Structure formats: structure tokens, C-alpha cells
């Protein structure tokens, strides 16, 4: 996760955690290099696919669709709109996670639940 204005991802910028990616759809494509530079410059890429070392990657299977620089999602400049390929709704409970580090085993909810808490809090605010 990277710093961005995405409302649903606030407070999660340091997270490196597994998530369901069930297919290779959603590859980002920037035919205009200026648009890509603007997206990067405004921190509108909140999610990236990473390798086992936590480094952004384009390599399969870590990045199932080959998105450039591991981009896994985009958000709007105001943070209200988030488009992402991974499926956090399929990994917010501990038992839904395919693998957990030893220190996280037995947890009831995964860090991905924070996305939905953030959305709720934003709506009631």
C-alpha cells in the first residue's frame, strides 16, 4: 500500500498483506506517458502488487495481469473513488486468508477490514 488520497485506504499506507486476486483481468494501460506521470505525481496509485520482499513487481504470479510497476488500483484526486483489481471483500476475515504469518494466526479479522471501517466512518461523518 502507498500513500494516496483514497478514503477507504486511510491509515493503511504501510500495509503489505496478502489479498485475493482471482484472475488476470484489470491490467492498467497508459497509452499517454503524460497521464501516467500525472497519476504517479498525484499519488493516485494506492495499491501495488509486491513480491515476497514487499517490492512492487510486474512478475507473475505476484502480479497476475502484468500491470506496469505493479499497479493494482487507482483512486481519484479527492479520494472518493477507488478502482482496484484485488478483492478485499474476500479476505477481511482471518479464516478467508490463504496464508498468515505466525504472529497473525488465529486473528478474527484481517487488516483489510479497515477499508470497510474507513468507508463507514466517512459516510457517517
C-alpha atoms as a PDB file:
ATOM      1  CA  UNK A   1       0.000   0.000   0.000  1.00  0.00           C
ATOM      2  CA  UNK A   2       1.198   3.503  -0.752  1.00  0.00           C
ATOM      3  CA  UNK A   3       0.238   6.987   0.431  1.00  0.00           C
ATOM      4  CA  UNK A   4      -2.763   8.295  -1.503  1.00  0.00           C
ATOM      5  CA  UNK A   5      -5.908  10.356  -1.016  1.00  0.00           C
ATOM      6  CA  UNK A   6      -8.072   7.165  -1.140  1.00  0.00           C
ATOM      7  CA  UNK A   7     -10.625   7.468   1.678  1.00  0.00           C
ATOM      8  CA  UNK A   8     -11.048   3.713   2.029  1.00  0.00           C
ATOM      9  CA  UNK A   9      -7.304   3.208   2.494  1.00  0.00           C
ATOM     10  CA  UNK A  10      -6.549   5.916   5.054  1.00  0.00           C
ATOM     11  CA  UNK A  11      -4.180   4.755   7.765  1.00  0.00           C
ATOM     12  CA  UNK A  12      -3.143   1.704   5.752  1.00  0.00           C
ATOM     13  CA  UNK A  13      -0.210   3.065   3.730  1.00  0.00           C
ATOM     14  CA  UNK A  14       2.383   0.774   5.337  1.00  0.00           C
ATOM     15  CA  UNK A  15       0.342  -2.411   4.878  1.00  0.00           C
ATOM     16  CA  UNK A  16       1.920  -5.302   2.989  1.00  0.00           C
ATOM     17  CA  UNK A  17      -0.582  -8.128   3.236  1.00  0.00           C
ATOM     18  CA  UNK A  18      -1.982 -10.867   1.007  1.00  0.00           C
ATOM     19  CA  UNK A  19      -5.315 -10.493  -0.740  1.00  0.00           C
ATOM     20  CA  UNK A  20      -7.465 -12.492  -3.150  1.00  0.00           C
ATOM     21  CA  UNK A  21      -6.761 -11.923  -6.830  1.00  0.00           C
ATOM     22  CA  UNK A  22      -8.876 -14.423  -8.679  1.00  0.00           C
ATOM     23  CA  UNK A  23      -7.915 -13.735 -12.291  1.00  0.00           C
ATOM     24  CA  UNK A  24      -5.611 -11.721 -14.507  1.00  0.00           C
ATOM     25  CA  UNK A  25      -8.083  -9.034 -15.564  1.00  0.00           C
ATOM     26  CA  UNK A  26      -7.629  -5.381 -14.698  1.00  0.00           C
ATOM     27  CA  UNK A  27      -4.258  -4.662 -16.283  1.00  0.00           C
ATOM     28  CA  UNK A  28      -3.649  -0.935 -16.262  1.00  0.00           C
ATOM     29  CA  UNK A  29      -2.528   0.606 -19.535  1.00  0.00           C
ATOM     30  CA  UNK A  30      -1.305   4.152 -20.061  1.00  0.00           C
ATOM     31  CA  UNK A  31      -1.016   4.932 -23.787  1.00  0.00           C
ATOM     32  CA  UNK A  32      -0.153   8.527 -22.840  1.00  0.00           C
ATOM     33  CA  UNK A  33       3.027   8.780 -20.752  1.00  0.00           C
ATOM     34  CA  UNK A  34       1.950  12.224 -19.512  1.00  0.00           C
ATOM     35  CA  UNK A  35      -1.201  10.745 -17.956  1.00  0.00           C
ATOM     36  CA  UNK A  36       0.836   8.025 -16.253  1.00  0.00           C
ATOM     37  CA  UNK A  37       3.261  10.631 -14.901  1.00  0.00           C
ATOM     38  CA  UNK A  38       0.369  12.737 -13.608  1.00  0.00           C
ATOM     39  CA  UNK A  39      -1.204   9.726 -11.882  1.00  0.00           C
ATOM     40  CA  UNK A  40       2.091   8.893 -10.189  1.00  0.00           C
ATOM     41  CA  UNK A  41       2.811  12.524  -9.340  1.00  0.00           C
ATOM     42  CA  UNK A  42      -0.543  12.937  -7.590  1.00  0.00           C
ATOM     43  CA  UNK A  43      -0.118   9.665  -5.603  1.00  0.00           C
ATOM     44  CA  UNK A  44      -3.193   8.149  -7.258  1.00  0.00           C
ATOM     45  CA  UNK A  45      -1.793   4.588  -7.196  1.00  0.00           C
ATOM     46  CA  UNK A  46      -2.614   3.411  -3.673  1.00  0.00           C
ATOM     47  CA  UNK A  47      -2.112  -0.316  -4.254  1.00  0.00           C
ATOM     48  CA  UNK A  48       0.687  -2.259  -5.886  1.00  0.00           C
ATOM     49  CA  UNK A  49       1.367  -5.942  -6.351  1.00  0.00           C
ATOM     50  CA  UNK A  50       4.531  -6.906  -4.481  1.00  0.00           C
ATOM     51  CA  UNK A  51       6.925  -9.812  -4.379  1.00  0.00           C
ATOM     52  CA  UNK A  52       7.887 -11.699  -1.222  1.00  0.00           C
ATOM     53  CA  UNK A  53      10.235  -8.840  -0.274  1.00  0.00           C
ATOM     54  CA  UNK A  54       7.461  -6.237  -0.445  1.00  0.00           C
ATOM     55  CA  UNK A  55       8.843  -4.667  -3.638  1.00  0.00           C
ATOM     56  CA  UNK A  56       6.484  -3.634  -6.457  1.00  0.00           C
ATOM     57  CA  UNK A  57       6.644  -6.140  -9.293  1.00  0.00           C
ATOM     58  CA  UNK A  58       5.335  -6.899 -12.764  1.00  0.00           C
ATOM     59  CA  UNK A  59       6.250 -10.584 -12.423  1.00  0.00           C
ATOM     60  CA  UNK A  60       3.687 -13.381 -12.383  1.00  0.00           C
ATOM     61  CA  UNK A  61       2.375 -14.836 -10.089  1.00  0.00           C
ATOM     62  CA  UNK A  62       2.797 -11.855  -7.753  1.00  0.00           C
ATOM     63  CA  UNK A  63       1.284  -9.546 -10.377  1.00  0.00           C
ATOM     64  CA  UNK A  64      -1.316 -11.703 -12.175  1.00  0.00           C
ATOM     65  CA  UNK A  65      -2.005  -9.286 -15.032  1.00  0.00           C
ATOM     66  CA  UNK A  66       1.363  -7.636 -15.646  1.00  0.00           C
ATOM     67  CA  UNK A  67       0.241  -4.112 -14.750  1.00  0.00           C
ATOM     68  CA  UNK A  68       3.117  -1.639 -15.090  1.00  0.00           C
ATOM     69  CA  UNK A  69       5.126  -1.066 -11.908  1.00  0.00           C
ATOM     70  CA  UNK A  70       2.794  -3.465 -10.112  1.00  0.00           C
ATOM     71  CA  UNK A  71      -0.125  -1.015 -10.149  1.00  0.00           C
ATOM     72  CA  UNK A  72      -3.137  -2.776  -8.588  1.00  0.00           C
ATOM     73  CA  UNK A  73      -5.513   0.168  -8.238  1.00  0.00           C
ATOM     74  CA  UNK A  74      -6.198   3.830  -8.900  1.00  0.00           C
ATOM     75  CA  UNK A  75      -8.051   6.497  -6.971  1.00  0.00           C
ATOM     76  CA  UNK A  76      -9.456   9.913  -7.792  1.00  0.00           C
ATOM     77  CA  UNK A  77      -7.637  13.055  -6.615  1.00  0.00           C
ATOM     78  CA  UNK A  78     -10.316  13.686  -3.967  1.00  0.00           C
ATOM     79  CA  UNK A  79     -10.033  10.078  -2.714  1.00  0.00           C
ATOM     80  CA  UNK A  80     -13.742   9.324  -3.068  1.00  0.00           C
ATOM     81  CA  UNK A  81     -13.366   6.868  -5.950  1.00  0.00           C
ATOM     82  CA  UNK A  82     -11.215   3.754  -5.777  1.00  0.00           C
ATOM     83  CA  UNK A  83     -10.831   1.141  -8.508  1.00  0.00           C
ATOM     84  CA  UNK A  84      -8.813  -1.929  -7.663  1.00  0.00           C
ATOM     85  CA  UNK A  85      -8.306  -5.426  -9.019  1.00  0.00           C
ATOM     86  CA  UNK A  86      -7.748  -7.350  -5.778  1.00  0.00           C
ATOM     87  CA  UNK A  87     -10.801  -8.416  -3.773  1.00  0.00           C
ATOM     88  CA  UNK A  88     -10.648  -7.215  -0.132  1.00  0.00           C
ATOM     89  CA  UNK A  89     -14.244  -8.334   0.393  1.00  0.00           C
ATOM     90  CA  UNK A  90     -12.943 -11.897   0.067  1.00  0.00           C
ATOM     91  CA  UNK A  91     -10.187 -11.510   2.659  1.00  0.00           C
ATOM     92  CA  UNK A  92     -11.418  -9.393   5.571  1.00  0.00           C
ATOM     93  CA  UNK A  93     -11.930 -12.302   7.989  1.00  0.00           C
ATOM     94  CA  UNK A  94      -8.961 -14.253   9.280  1.00  0.00           C
ATOM     95  CA  UNK A  95     -10.269 -17.599   8.044  1.00  0.00           C
ATOM     96  CA  UNK A  96     -10.555 -16.199   4.487  1.00  0.00           C
ATOM     97  CA  UNK A  97      -6.806 -15.590   4.220  1.00  0.00           C
ATOM     98  CA  UNK A  98      -4.826 -18.243   2.342  1.00  0.00           C
ATOM     99  CA  UNK A  99      -1.700 -17.698   4.423  1.00  0.00           C
ATOM    100  CA  UNK A 100      -0.919 -15.793   7.592  1.00  0.00           C
ATOM    101  CA  UNK A 101       2.364 -15.061   9.338  1.00  0.00           C
ATOM    102  CA  UNK A 102       2.699 -16.996  12.584  1.00  0.00           C
ATOM    103  CA  UNK A 103       2.021 -13.890  14.712  1.00  0.00           C
ATOM    104  CA  UNK A 104      -1.298 -13.281  12.913  1.00  0.00           C
ATOM    105  CA  UNK A 105      -2.676 -16.807  13.028  1.00  0.00           C
ATOM    106  CA  UNK A 106      -5.892 -17.021  14.982  1.00  0.00           C
ATOM    107  CA  UNK A 107      -6.928 -13.429  14.271  1.00  0.00           C
ATOM    108  CA  UNK A 108     -10.639 -12.926  13.699  1.00  0.00           C
ATOM    109  CA  UNK A 109     -10.371 -10.098  11.170  1.00  0.00           C
ATOM    110  CA  UNK A 110      -7.640  -9.219   8.704  1.00  0.00           C
ATOM    111  CA  UNK A 111      -6.184  -5.762   8.118  1.00  0.00           C
ATOM    112  CA  UNK A 112      -8.445  -5.444   5.043  1.00  0.00           C
ATOM    113  CA  UNK A 113     -11.462  -4.868   7.287  1.00  0.00           C
ATOM    114  CA  UNK A 114     -10.087  -1.362   7.883  1.00  0.00           C
ATOM    115  CA  UNK A 115     -11.109  -0.421   4.320  1.00  0.00           C
ATOM    116  CA  UNK A 116     -14.748  -1.022   5.140  1.00  0.00           C
ATOM    117  CA  UNK A 117     -14.472   0.721   8.502  1.00  0.00           C
ATOM    118  CA  UNK A 118     -12.983   3.733   6.724  1.00  0.00           C
ATOM    119  CA  UNK A 119     -15.857   3.790   4.225  1.00  0.00           C
ATOM    120  CA  UNK A 120     -18.427   3.554   7.014  1.00  0.00           C
ATOM    121  CA  UNK A 121     -16.759   6.288   9.055  1.00  0.00           C
ATOM    122  CA  UNK A 122     -16.581   8.578   6.018  1.00  0.00           C
ATOM    123  CA  UNK A 123     -20.289   8.043   5.281  1.00  0.00           C
ATOM    124  CA  UNK A 124     -21.477   8.788   8.815  1.00  0.00           C
ATOM    125  CA  UNK A 125     -19.206  11.826   9.033  1.00  0.00           C
END
